[in-house]
């Protein structure tokens, strides 16, 4: 292998240096400026994207704050509406209960009046039956038929004055 031959080391190093200098010059004039421009453009784009992202983040934060504020206002309004609806329902319930109470009181008075009338009619009928029974029993027991007025007075007195 010629590259390991020690007698050719010096010419190899000479040509290595010349080729290196030529490649370095070509790279410095043509490739390095392009690479540098690409890196600068990339850095500018990254910086621009970061600035846009920061602006968008601030905008998103503002939108989120506005959303949370609107949500809080809506919840407050809903709470007020629910409270109003509850109060209206309670008032309606109270009104209906009062109407039912008035109706029940009227029905109770009417029922008490019917009961009193039925009681009076029953007592009157009982008084007549008691008078007839007492008159018939007296006639059978002692053989004398008492007068109807006397029997009615005695039954009234015995019933405690009812009827």
Foldseek 3Di string as FASTA:
>chain_A
DVCPPPVCVVVVVVVVVVVVVVVVVCCVVPVVVVVVVVVVVVVVVVVVVVVVVVVVVVVVVVVVVVVVVVVVVVVVVVVVVVVVVVVVVVVVVVVVVVVVVVVVVVVVVVVVVVVVVVVLVVVVVVLVVQLVVVQVVCCVPVVDRDDSVVSSVVSCVVVPNRD
